[in-house]
Amino acid sequence: MDEVVLHLVDPFVQVLEERGFTLKSHSFKLTGNVFDTKTGREATQEEVWAGLDQLFEEQDKRQHIVSGVVDGLNGLSQHIDIIFLTNMPHPYGDTRRRYLQSEGLDFPLVTNTRSKVPSMKMIQQHCGSTMGFIDDTPKNLDQVRENMDDVHLFHFMANEAFRALADPVDGARFSTGDWAEASEKIHTALMENT
């Protein structure tokens, strides 16, 4: 849900700068793109994760809502059940739930680590209709496509620079950073056979 519902890249850059690091976005990933500002040394995985932990700890102060998402999701929720599935350490889930609710996004939220496929399959067991999956990361979308061929895929990345670096997602209905476009196309895809 980061870069779909909440901005992640810009606030993460701010956290990194406070920690003495710089993000050089020359590929669609975080690890391998973070460098010590003074020495140029590539940050370790542990240093990158420490920055992400700080961001998640302070998410309700740093991660702002993506423009258009509140109207988009609340409009879709008139016809479609919405569940947030987010990759983040489980202890930060309650903070995120409270923050999203305070911003007008009162939907169930499931925290997840690693692949989203097992969680998606569990959700599907309780879903009696067509499912869609919207994500910012092509790898997550590819994994769902490879394991769940009956799920509609949607690629959304609010950060334009990172979206431009992302590989195309086979089978995705769209790739956008605009919620007006996304909500219309999601509604069409999920409602066309009902």
N, C-alpha and C. Protein backbone atom coordinates (compact mmCIF):
# COMPACT_ATOMS: atom_id res chain seq x y z
N MET A 1 0.80 -1.20 0.00
CA MET A 1 0.00 0.00 0.00
C MET A 1 0.84 1.26 0.00
N ASP A 2 2.16 1.10 0.29
CA ASP A 2 3.04 2.25 0.17
C ASP A 2 3.19 2.62 -1.30
N GLU A 3 3.10 3.90 -1.58
CA GLU A 3 3.09 4.48 -2.92
C GLU A 3 1.80 4.17 -3.68
N VAL A 4 0.85 3.51 -3.01
CA VAL A 4 -0.51 3.35 -3.55
C VAL A 4 -1.46 4.20 -2.73
N VAL A 5 -1.39 4.07 -1.43
CA VAL A 5 -2.25 4.82 -0.51
C VAL A 5 -1.44 5.88 0.24
N LEU A 6 -0.23 5.54 0.63
CA LEU A 6 0.65 6.45 1.37
C LEU A 6 1.96 6.63 0.61
N HIS A 7 2.46 7.85 0.61
CA HIS A 7 3.78 8.09 0.00
C HIS A 7 4.85 7.43 0.85
N LEU A 8 5.81 6.77 0.19
CA LEU A 8 6.92 6.15 0.89
C LEU A 8 8.26 6.73 0.45
N VAL A 9 8.45 6.94 -0.85
CA VAL A 9 9.78 7.31 -1.35
C VAL A 9 10.23 8.65 -0.78
N ASP A 10 9.42 9.68 -0.92
CA ASP A 10 9.85 11.01 -0.45
C ASP A 10 10.11 11.06 1.05
N PRO A 11 9.21 10.52 1.89
CA PRO A 11 9.54 10.53 3.33
C PRO A 11 10.73 9.64 3.69
N PHE A 12 10.93 8.56 2.93
CA PHE A 12 12.09 7.70 3.18
C PHE A 12 13.38 8.44 2.83
N VAL A 13 13.36 9.20 1.75
CA VAL A 13 14.52 10.02 1.39
C VAL A 13 14.85 10.99 2.52
N GLN A 14 13.82 11.57 3.12
CA GLN A 14 14.02 12.50 4.24
C GLN A 14 14.67 11.79 5.43
N VAL A 15 14.17 10.59 5.77
CA VAL A 15 14.75 9.82 6.86
C VAL A 15 16.21 9.49 6.56
N LEU A 16 16.48 9.06 5.33
CA LEU A 16 17.85 8.71 4.96
C LEU A 16 18.78 9.91 5.10
N GLU A 17 18.33 11.07 4.63
CA GLU A 17 19.16 12.27 4.71
C GLU A 17 19.48 12.61 6.17
N GLU A 18 18.50 12.44 7.05
CA GLU A 18 18.73 12.69 8.47
C GLU A 18 19.75 11.72 9.06
N ARG A 19 19.85 10.54 8.44
CA ARG A 19 20.78 9.51 8.91
C ARG A 19 22.12 9.57 8.17
N GLY A 20 22.28 10.52 7.26
CA GLY A 20 23.55 10.67 6.55
C GLY A 20 23.67 9.86 5.28
N PHE A 21 22.52 9.51 4.69
CA PHE A 21 22.53 8.72 3.46
C PHE A 21 21.77 9.44 2.35
N THR A 22 22.02 9.00 1.12
CA THR A 22 21.37 9.55 -0.07
C THR A 22 20.77 8.41 -0.87
N LEU A 23 19.57 8.61 -1.41
CA LEU A 23 18.95 7.64 -2.31
C LEU A 23 19.22 8.08 -3.74
N LYS A 24 19.86 7.20 -4.50
CA LYS A 24 20.10 7.46 -5.92
C LYS A 24 19.24 6.48 -6.70
N SER A 25 18.13 6.95 -7.20
CA SER A 25 17.16 6.04 -7.83
C SER A 25 17.52 5.78 -9.29
N HIS A 26 18.44 4.82 -9.49
CA HIS A 26 18.78 4.43 -10.85
C HIS A 26 18.21 3.06 -11.20
N SER A 27 17.52 2.45 -10.26
CA SER A 27 16.82 1.20 -10.52
C SER A 27 15.66 1.10 -9.53
N PHE A 28 14.71 0.21 -9.82
CA PHE A 28 13.50 0.09 -9.01
C PHE A 28 13.76 -0.81 -7.80
N LYS A 29 14.49 -0.26 -6.83
CA LYS A 29 14.74 -0.96 -5.58
C LYS A 29 15.31 0.04 -4.60
N LEU A 30 15.28 -0.32 -3.33
CA LEU A 30 15.87 0.54 -2.31
C LEU A 30 17.30 0.08 -1.99
N THR A 31 17.44 -1.20 -1.61
CA THR A 31 18.78 -1.71 -1.33
C THR A 31 19.59 -1.69 -2.62
N GLY A 32 20.80 -1.14 -2.52
CA GLY A 32 21.65 -0.98 -3.71
C GLY A 32 21.57 0.41 -4.28
N ASN A 33 20.61 1.20 -3.80
CA ASN A 33 20.45 2.58 -4.25
C ASN A 33 20.73 3.59 -3.15
N VAL A 34 21.12 3.13 -1.97
CA VAL A 34 21.34 4.02 -0.83
C VAL A 34 22.84 4.08 -0.53
N PHE A 35 23.35 5.32 -0.41
CA PHE A 35 24.79 5.52 -0.22
C PHE A 35 25.07 6.53 0.88
N ASP A 36 26.20 6.34 1.57
CA ASP A 36 26.65 7.28 2.58
C ASP A 36 26.94 8.61 1.89
N THR A 37 26.36 9.68 2.38
CA THR A 37 26.49 10.99 1.74
C THR A 37 27.93 11.47 1.71
N LYS A 38 28.70 11.21 2.76
CA LYS A 38 30.08 11.73 2.85
C LYS A 38 31.09 10.84 2.14
N THR A 39 30.95 9.52 2.30
CA THR A 39 31.98 8.62 1.78
C THR A 39 31.61 7.98 0.44
N GLY A 40 30.32 7.94 0.13
CA GLY A 40 29.89 7.26 -1.09
C GLY A 40 29.73 5.76 -0.93
N ARG A 41 29.98 5.25 0.28
CA ARG A 41 29.84 3.81 0.55
C ARG A 41 28.39 3.38 0.41
N GLU A 42 28.18 2.22 -0.21
CA GLU A 42 26.82 1.69 -0.32
C GLU A 42 26.32 1.26 1.05
N ALA A 43 25.11 1.64 1.38
CA ALA A 43 24.53 1.27 2.67
C ALA A 43 24.30 -0.23 2.74
N THR A 44 24.44 -0.78 3.92
CA THR A 44 24.16 -2.20 4.12
C THR A 44 22.65 -2.42 4.17
N GLN A 45 22.25 -3.67 4.03
CA GLN A 45 20.83 -4.02 4.16
C GLN A 45 20.31 -3.60 5.54
N GLU A 46 21.13 -3.78 6.57
CA GLU A 46 20.73 -3.43 7.93
C GLU A 46 20.50 -1.92 8.06
N GLU A 47 21.33 -1.11 7.42
CA GLU A 47 21.17 0.34 7.48
C GLU A 47 19.91 0.79 6.74
N VAL A 48 19.63 0.14 5.63
CA VAL A 48 18.40 0.47 4.89
C VAL A 48 17.18 0.10 5.72
N TRP A 49 17.20 -1.09 6.32
CA TRP A 49 16.06 -1.52 7.14
C TRP A 49 15.89 -0.66 8.38
N ALA A 50 16.99 -0.16 8.94
CA ALA A 50 16.89 0.72 10.10
C ALA A 50 16.17 2.01 9.72
N GLY A 51 16.45 2.52 8.52
CA GLY A 51 15.74 3.70 8.03
C GLY A 51 14.27 3.43 7.82
N LEU A 52 13.96 2.25 7.26
CA LEU A 52 12.55 1.89 7.06
C LEU A 52 11.83 1.71 8.39
N ASP A 53 12.51 1.11 9.36
CA ASP A 53 11.91 0.96 10.69
C ASP A 53 11.56 2.33 11.28
N GLN A 54 12.48 3.29 11.14
CA GLN A 54 12.19 4.63 11.65
C GLN A 54 11.00 5.24 10.92
N LEU A 55 10.95 5.04 9.60
CA LEU A 55 9.83 5.58 8.83
C LEU A 55 8.51 4.97 9.30
N PHE A 56 8.48 3.66 9.50
CA PHE A 56 7.24 3.02 9.96
C PHE A 56 6.88 3.44 11.38
N GLU A 57 7.90 3.64 12.21
CA GLU A 57 7.65 4.11 13.58
C GLU A 57 7.00 5.49 13.57
N GLU A 58 7.39 6.32 12.60
CA GLU A 58 6.92 7.70 12.53
C GLU A 58 5.96 7.92 11.36
N GLN A 59 5.35 6.84 10.86
CA GLN A 59 4.56 6.90 9.63
C GLN A 59 3.42 7.91 9.69
N ASP A 60 2.78 8.04 10.84
CA ASP A 60 1.63 8.94 10.92
C ASP A 60 2.04 10.40 10.90
N LYS A 61 3.33 10.67 11.01
CA LYS A 61 3.84 12.04 10.92
C LYS A 61 4.55 12.29 9.60
N ARG A 62 5.02 11.23 8.95
CA ARG A 62 5.85 11.39 7.75
C ARG A 62 5.17 10.97 6.45
N GLN A 63 4.38 9.90 6.48
CA GLN A 63 3.81 9.35 5.25
C GLN A 63 2.45 9.98 4.97
N HIS A 64 2.39 10.82 3.97
CA HIS A 64 1.15 11.50 3.65
C HIS A 64 0.32 10.69 2.66
N ILE A 65 -0.97 10.94 2.69
CA ILE A 65 -1.92 10.24 1.82
C ILE A 65 -1.70 10.64 0.36
N VAL A 66 -1.75 9.67 -0.54
CA VAL A 66 -1.63 9.92 -1.97
C VAL A 66 -2.87 10.67 -2.45
N SER A 67 -2.67 11.68 -3.24
CA SER A 67 -3.77 12.51 -3.74
C SER A 67 -4.82 11.66 -4.47
N GLY A 68 -6.07 11.87 -4.11
CA GLY A 68 -7.19 11.20 -4.78
C GLY A 68 -7.58 9.85 -4.22
N VAL A 69 -6.74 9.27 -3.34
CA VAL A 69 -7.00 7.90 -2.88
C VAL A 69 -8.23 7.83 -1.98
N VAL A 70 -8.48 8.83 -1.16
CA VAL A 70 -9.63 8.77 -0.25
C VAL A 70 -10.92 8.73 -1.05
N ASP A 71 -11.08 9.65 -1.99
CA ASP A 71 -12.29 9.64 -2.83
C ASP A 71 -12.34 8.38 -3.69
N GLY A 72 -11.19 7.98 -4.24
CA GLY A 72 -11.16 6.81 -5.11
C GLY A 72 -11.60 5.54 -4.40
N LEU A 73 -11.01 5.26 -3.25
CA LEU A 73 -11.33 4.02 -2.54
C LEU A 73 -12.71 4.06 -1.90
N ASN A 74 -13.09 5.21 -1.35
CA ASN A 74 -14.43 5.28 -0.77
C ASN A 74 -15.51 5.17 -1.85
N GLY A 75 -15.23 5.69 -3.03
CA GLY A 75 -16.17 5.50 -4.14
C GLY A 75 -16.25 4.05 -4.55
N LEU A 76 -15.10 3.39 -4.70
CA LEU A 76 -15.09 1.98 -5.06
C LEU A 76 -15.77 1.11 -4.00
N SER A 77 -15.65 1.51 -2.74
CA SER A 77 -16.20 0.69 -1.65
C SER A 77 -17.73 0.62 -1.67
N GLN A 78 -18.36 1.46 -2.48
CA GLN A 78 -19.82 1.37 -2.63
C GLN A 78 -20.21 0.10 -3.37
N HIS A 79 -19.25 -0.49 -4.13
CA HIS A 79 -19.54 -1.67 -4.94
C HIS A 79 -18.56 -2.82 -4.71
N ILE A 80 -17.41 -2.51 -4.11
CA ILE A 80 -16.32 -3.47 -4.01
C ILE A 80 -15.81 -3.51 -2.56
N ASP A 81 -15.56 -4.71 -2.04
CA ASP A 81 -14.94 -4.84 -0.72
C ASP A 81 -13.45 -4.54 -0.83
N ILE A 82 -12.95 -3.70 0.05
CA ILE A 82 -11.55 -3.29 0.02
C ILE A 82 -10.85 -3.79 1.27
N ILE A 83 -9.68 -4.41 1.07
CA ILE A 83 -8.82 -4.86 2.16
C ILE A 83 -7.42 -4.35 1.86
N PHE A 84 -6.79 -3.71 2.84
CA PHE A 84 -5.40 -3.29 2.69
C PHE A 84 -4.49 -4.45 3.08
N LEU A 85 -3.52 -4.74 2.20
CA LEU A 85 -2.51 -5.76 2.47
C LEU A 85 -1.16 -5.06 2.32
N THR A 86 -0.45 -4.90 3.42
CA THR A 86 0.77 -4.09 3.39
C THR A 86 1.96 -4.86 3.94
N ASN A 87 3.08 -4.77 3.24
CA ASN A 87 4.32 -5.38 3.72
C ASN A 87 5.01 -4.41 4.67
N MET A 88 4.91 -4.74 5.93
CA MET A 88 5.57 -3.97 6.98
C MET A 88 5.62 -4.84 8.23
N PRO A 89 6.56 -4.57 9.13
CA PRO A 89 6.59 -5.35 10.37
C PRO A 89 5.24 -5.26 11.11
N HIS A 90 4.77 -6.39 11.59
CA HIS A 90 3.45 -6.46 12.22
C HIS A 90 3.23 -5.47 13.37
N PRO A 91 4.25 -5.18 14.20
CA PRO A 91 4.01 -4.25 15.31
C PRO A 91 3.56 -2.85 14.89
N TYR A 92 3.81 -2.46 13.63
CA TYR A 92 3.42 -1.13 13.18
C TYR A 92 2.01 -1.09 12.59
N GLY A 93 1.34 -2.23 12.56
CA GLY A 93 0.03 -2.31 11.94
C GLY A 93 -1.03 -1.45 12.61
N ASP A 94 -1.06 -1.45 13.93
CA ASP A 94 -2.09 -0.67 14.63
C ASP A 94 -1.92 0.83 14.40
N THR A 95 -0.66 1.29 14.36
CA THR A 95 -0.41 2.71 14.06
C THR A 95 -0.96 3.05 12.69
N ARG A 96 -0.69 2.18 11.72
CA ARG A 96 -1.18 2.43 10.36
C ARG A 96 -2.70 2.39 10.30
N ARG A 97 -3.32 1.46 10.98
CA ARG A 97 -4.79 1.39 10.98
C ARG A 97 -5.39 2.68 11.52
N ARG A 98 -4.87 3.13 12.66
CA ARG A 98 -5.40 4.37 13.25
C ARG A 98 -5.19 5.56 12.33
N TYR A 99 -4.02 5.65 11.73
CA TYR A 99 -3.71 6.77 10.85
C TYR A 99 -4.63 6.77 9.62
N LEU A 100 -4.80 5.63 8.99
CA LEU A 100 -5.67 5.55 7.81
C LEU A 100 -7.11 5.89 8.18
N GLN A 101 -7.58 5.39 9.31
CA GLN A 101 -8.95 5.70 9.74
C GLN A 101 -9.11 7.20 9.96
N SER A 102 -8.10 7.83 10.54
CA SER A 102 -8.18 9.27 10.79
C SER A 102 -8.20 10.08 9.50
N GLU A 103 -7.72 9.48 8.42
CA GLU A 103 -7.71 10.15 7.11
C GLU A 103 -8.92 9.79 6.25
N GLY A 104 -9.85 9.01 6.81
CA GLY A 104 -11.06 8.66 6.08
C GLY A 104 -10.97 7.36 5.30
N LEU A 105 -10.00 6.51 5.63
CA LEU A 105 -9.83 5.22 4.96
C LEU A 105 -10.02 4.11 5.99
N ASP A 106 -11.26 3.77 6.24
CA ASP A 106 -11.60 2.84 7.30
C ASP A 106 -11.89 1.46 6.71
N PHE A 107 -10.81 0.77 6.31
CA PHE A 107 -10.92 -0.56 5.72
C PHE A 107 -10.04 -1.53 6.49
N PRO A 108 -10.37 -2.83 6.46
CA PRO A 108 -9.53 -3.81 7.15
C PRO A 108 -8.10 -3.77 6.61
N LEU A 109 -7.12 -3.97 7.49
CA LEU A 109 -5.72 -3.94 7.10
C LEU A 109 -5.02 -5.18 7.61
N VAL A 110 -4.30 -5.86 6.71
CA VAL A 110 -3.51 -7.04 7.03
C VAL A 110 -2.04 -6.70 6.82
N THR A 111 -1.23 -6.86 7.87
CA THR A 111 0.21 -6.68 7.70
C THR A 111 0.80 -8.00 7.22
N ASN A 112 1.90 -7.89 6.48
CA ASN A 112 2.46 -9.05 5.79
C ASN A 112 3.97 -8.89 5.72
N THR A 113 4.67 -10.01 5.66
CA THR A 113 6.11 -9.98 5.38
C THR A 113 6.38 -10.97 4.25
N ARG A 114 7.37 -10.65 3.46
CA ARG A 114 7.78 -11.46 2.30
C ARG A 114 6.68 -11.48 1.23
N SER A 115 6.50 -12.62 0.56
CA SER A 115 5.55 -12.70 -0.55
C SER A 115 4.13 -12.44 -0.07
N LYS A 116 3.36 -11.74 -0.92
CA LYS A 116 1.96 -11.48 -0.59
C LYS A 116 1.03 -12.61 -1.05
N VAL A 117 1.58 -13.57 -1.77
CA VAL A 117 0.74 -14.64 -2.34
C VAL A 117 0.01 -15.44 -1.26
N PRO A 118 0.66 -15.93 -0.19
CA PRO A 118 -0.10 -16.69 0.81
C PRO A 118 -1.25 -15.88 1.42
N SER A 119 -1.02 -14.61 1.70
CA SER A 119 -2.10 -13.78 2.25
C SER A 119 -3.20 -13.58 1.24
N MET A 120 -2.82 -13.38 -0.03
CA MET A 120 -3.83 -13.23 -1.08
C MET A 120 -4.68 -14.49 -1.21
N LYS A 121 -4.06 -15.65 -1.12
CA LYS A 121 -4.81 -16.91 -1.22
C LYS A 121 -5.76 -17.07 -0.04
N MET A 122 -5.31 -16.66 1.14
CA MET A 122 -6.17 -16.73 2.32
C MET A 122 -7.38 -15.80 2.16
N ILE A 123 -7.13 -14.60 1.67
CA ILE A 123 -8.23 -13.65 1.44
C ILE A 123 -9.19 -14.22 0.40
N GLN A 124 -8.64 -14.83 -0.65
CA GLN A 124 -9.48 -15.37 -1.72
C GLN A 124 -10.42 -16.46 -1.21
N GLN A 125 -9.98 -17.23 -0.22
CA GLN A 125 -10.83 -18.29 0.34
C GLN A 125 -12.11 -17.72 0.95
N HIS A 126 -12.07 -16.47 1.35
CA HIS A 126 -13.22 -15.82 1.97
C HIS A 126 -13.92 -14.86 1.03
N CYS A 127 -13.50 -14.88 -0.22
CA CYS A 127 -14.05 -13.95 -1.21
C CYS A 127 -14.90 -14.72 -2.21
N GLY A 128 -16.13 -14.31 -2.36
CA GLY A 128 -17.02 -15.03 -3.25
C GLY A 128 -17.15 -14.42 -4.63
N SER A 129 -16.27 -13.50 -4.98
CA SER A 129 -16.40 -12.84 -6.28
C SER A 129 -15.03 -12.54 -6.87
N THR A 130 -15.03 -11.84 -7.98
CA THR A 130 -13.80 -11.48 -8.67
C THR A 130 -12.88 -10.68 -7.75
N MET A 131 -11.58 -10.99 -7.81
CA MET A 131 -10.60 -10.28 -6.98
C MET A 131 -9.68 -9.43 -7.83
N GLY A 132 -9.27 -8.31 -7.26
CA GLY A 132 -8.25 -7.47 -7.87
C GLY A 132 -7.11 -7.28 -6.89
N PHE A 133 -5.93 -6.97 -7.42
CA PHE A 133 -4.75 -6.75 -6.60
C PHE A 133 -4.02 -5.54 -7.16
N ILE A 134 -3.90 -4.49 -6.35
CA ILE A 134 -3.19 -3.29 -6.76
C ILE A 134 -1.94 -3.15 -5.91
N ASP A 135 -0.81 -2.90 -6.57
CA ASP A 135 0.45 -2.84 -5.84
C ASP A 135 1.41 -1.93 -6.60
N ASP A 136 2.40 -1.40 -5.86
CA ASP A 136 3.40 -0.54 -6.50
C ASP A 136 4.57 -1.32 -7.05
N THR A 137 4.77 -2.55 -6.59
CA THR A 137 5.97 -3.32 -6.92
C THR A 137 5.70 -4.39 -7.97
N PRO A 138 6.34 -4.29 -9.14
CA PRO A 138 6.12 -5.31 -10.18
C PRO A 138 6.36 -6.73 -9.70
N LYS A 139 7.36 -6.94 -8.83
CA LYS A 139 7.64 -8.29 -8.33
C LYS A 139 6.43 -8.87 -7.61
N ASN A 140 5.77 -8.07 -6.77
CA ASN A 140 4.58 -8.56 -6.06
C ASN A 140 3.47 -8.90 -7.03
N LEU A 141 3.27 -8.06 -8.03
CA LEU A 141 2.24 -8.31 -9.04
C LEU A 141 2.56 -9.57 -9.85
N ASP A 142 3.83 -9.73 -10.23
CA ASP A 142 4.24 -10.92 -10.98
C ASP A 142 4.01 -12.19 -10.17
N GLN A 143 4.33 -12.16 -8.87
CA GLN A 143 4.14 -13.34 -8.03
C GLN A 143 2.66 -13.73 -7.93
N VAL A 144 1.80 -12.73 -7.80
CA VAL A 144 0.36 -13.03 -7.75
C VAL A 144 -0.10 -13.59 -9.09
N ARG A 145 0.34 -12.99 -10.19
CA ARG A 145 -0.05 -13.49 -11.51
C ARG A 145 0.38 -14.95 -11.71
N GLU A 146 1.60 -15.27 -11.27
CA GLU A 146 2.14 -16.62 -11.46
C GLU A 146 1.42 -17.67 -10.61
N ASN A 147 0.82 -17.24 -9.51
CA ASN A 147 0.20 -18.19 -8.57
C ASN A 147 -1.32 -18.11 -8.50
N MET A 148 -1.90 -17.04 -9.04
CA MET A 148 -3.35 -16.84 -8.94
C MET A 148 -3.83 -16.21 -10.26
N ASP A 149 -4.04 -17.04 -11.24
CA ASP A 149 -4.30 -16.52 -12.59
C ASP A 149 -5.69 -15.89 -12.76
N ASP A 150 -6.53 -15.95 -11.74
CA ASP A 150 -7.88 -15.38 -11.86
C ASP A 150 -8.01 -14.04 -11.13
N VAL A 151 -6.89 -13.41 -10.79
CA VAL A 151 -6.90 -12.13 -10.09
C VAL A 151 -6.54 -11.02 -11.07
N HIS A 152 -7.34 -9.95 -11.09
CA HIS A 152 -7.04 -8.79 -11.92
C HIS A 152 -5.89 -8.00 -11.28
N LEU A 153 -4.91 -7.64 -12.09
CA LEU A 153 -3.73 -6.94 -11.59
C LEU A 153 -3.75 -5.47 -12.00
N PHE A 154 -3.36 -4.61 -11.05
CA PHE A 154 -3.31 -3.16 -11.29
C PHE A 154 -2.00 -2.63 -10.72
N HIS A 155 -1.23 -1.91 -11.53
CA HIS A 155 0.04 -1.34 -11.06
C HIS A 155 -0.15 0.14 -10.78
N PHE A 156 0.08 0.52 -9.53
CA PHE A 156 -0.04 1.93 -9.12
C PHE A 156 1.22 2.32 -8.38
N MET A 157 1.86 3.40 -8.82
CA MET A 157 3.06 3.92 -8.17
C MET A 157 2.97 5.43 -8.19
N ALA A 158 2.73 6.03 -7.04
CA ALA A 158 2.54 7.48 -6.98
C ALA A 158 3.80 8.25 -7.35
N ASN A 159 4.96 7.72 -6.99
CA ASN A 159 6.22 8.41 -7.28
C ASN A 159 6.56 8.22 -8.76
N GLU A 160 6.54 9.31 -9.51
CA GLU A 160 6.73 9.23 -10.96
C GLU A 160 8.11 8.72 -11.35
N ALA A 161 9.14 9.15 -10.63
CA ALA A 161 10.50 8.73 -10.97
C ALA A 161 10.67 7.22 -10.82
N PHE A 162 10.14 6.66 -9.73
CA PHE A 162 10.26 5.21 -9.53
C PHE A 162 9.34 4.46 -10.49
N ARG A 163 8.16 5.00 -10.78
CA ARG A 163 7.27 4.33 -11.74
C ARG A 163 7.95 4.22 -13.10
N ALA A 164 8.70 5.25 -13.49
CA ALA A 164 9.40 5.23 -14.77
C ALA A 164 10.49 4.16 -14.81
N LEU A 165 11.02 3.79 -13.64
CA LEU A 165 12.07 2.77 -13.56
C LEU A 165 11.52 1.35 -13.48
N ALA A 166 10.24 1.22 -13.21
CA ALA A 166 9.65 -0.10 -13.00
C ALA A 166 9.53 -0.87 -14.32
N ASP A 167 9.77 -2.17 -14.23
CA ASP A 167 9.56 -3.04 -15.39
C ASP A 167 8.06 -3.13 -15.67
N PRO A 168 7.69 -3.30 -16.95
CA PRO A 168 6.27 -3.51 -17.26
C PRO A 168 5.76 -4.78 -16.57
N VAL A 169 4.50 -4.75 -16.18
CA VAL A 169 3.89 -5.90 -15.49
C VAL A 169 2.98 -6.62 -16.48
N ASP A 170 3.36 -7.85 -16.83
CA ASP A 170 2.53 -8.64 -17.74
C ASP A 170 1.15 -8.84 -17.13
N GLY A 171 0.14 -8.57 -17.91
CA GLY A 171 -1.23 -8.81 -17.46
C GLY A 171 -1.85 -7.71 -16.64
N ALA A 172 -1.10 -6.66 -16.32
CA ALA A 172 -1.68 -5.57 -15.54
C ALA A 172 -2.65 -4.77 -16.39
N ARG A 173 -3.79 -4.39 -15.81
CA ARG A 173 -4.79 -3.61 -16.52
C ARG A 173 -4.32 -2.18 -16.78
N PHE A 174 -3.42 -1.69 -15.92
CA PHE A 174 -2.87 -0.34 -16.10
C PHE A 174 -1.63 -0.18 -15.24
N SER A 175 -0.87 0.87 -15.54
CA SER A 175 0.21 1.34 -14.69
C SER A 175 0.06 2.85 -14.61
N THR A 176 -0.21 3.36 -13.41
CA THR A 176 -0.51 4.78 -13.27
C THR A 176 -0.12 5.28 -11.89
N GLY A 177 -0.17 6.57 -11.72
CA GLY A 177 -0.02 7.20 -10.42
C GLY A 177 -1.17 8.15 -10.16
N ASP A 178 -2.26 7.96 -10.91
CA ASP A 178 -3.43 8.85 -10.87
C ASP A 178 -4.64 8.07 -10.38
N TRP A 179 -5.20 8.49 -9.23
CA TRP A 179 -6.32 7.75 -8.65
C TRP A 179 -7.63 7.92 -9.41
N ALA A 180 -7.81 9.01 -10.12
CA ALA A 180 -9.03 9.16 -10.93
C ALA A 180 -9.04 8.09 -12.02
N GLU A 181 -7.91 7.92 -12.69
CA GLU A 181 -7.79 6.88 -13.72
C GLU A 181 -7.91 5.50 -13.10
N ALA A 182 -7.20 5.27 -12.01
CA ALA A 182 -7.17 3.95 -11.38
C ALA A 182 -8.55 3.51 -10.92
N SER A 183 -9.27 4.38 -10.23
CA SER A 183 -10.57 3.97 -9.67
C SER A 183 -11.56 3.63 -10.78
N GLU A 184 -11.53 4.37 -11.86
CA GLU A 184 -12.44 4.07 -12.98
C GLU A 184 -12.11 2.71 -13.59
N LYS A 185 -10.83 2.44 -13.81
CA LYS A 185 -10.44 1.18 -14.45
C LYS A 185 -10.61 -0.02 -13.52
N ILE A 186 -10.39 0.19 -12.23
CA ILE A 186 -10.64 -0.90 -11.27
C ILE A 186 -12.12 -1.25 -11.25
N HIS A 187 -12.95 -0.23 -11.18
CA HIS A 187 -14.40 -0.46 -11.16
C HIS A 187 -14.83 -1.22 -12.40
N THR A 188 -14.35 -0.81 -13.57
CA THR A 188 -14.72 -1.49 -14.82
C THR A 188 -14.28 -2.94 -14.81
N ALA A 189 -13.03 -3.19 -14.40
CA ALA A 189 -12.49 -4.55 -14.43
C ALA A 189 -13.23 -5.48 -13.46
N LEU A 190 -13.52 -5.01 -12.27
CA LEU A 190 -14.10 -5.88 -11.26
C LEU A 190 -15.62 -5.99 -11.35
N MET A 191 -16.25 -5.05 -12.02
CA MET A 191 -17.71 -5.08 -12.11
C MET A 191 -18.21 -5.60 -13.45
N GLU A 192 -17.34 -5.78 -14.43
CA GLU A 192 -17.80 -6.12 -15.77
C GLU A 192 -18.47 -7.47 -15.87
N ASN A 193 -18.14 -8.40 -14.98
CA ASN A 193 -18.73 -9.74 -15.02
C ASN A 193 -19.72 -10.02 -13.90
N THR A 194 -20.15 -8.92 -13.22
CA THR A 194 -21.10 -9.15 -12.12
C THR A 194 -22.49 -8.70 -12.52
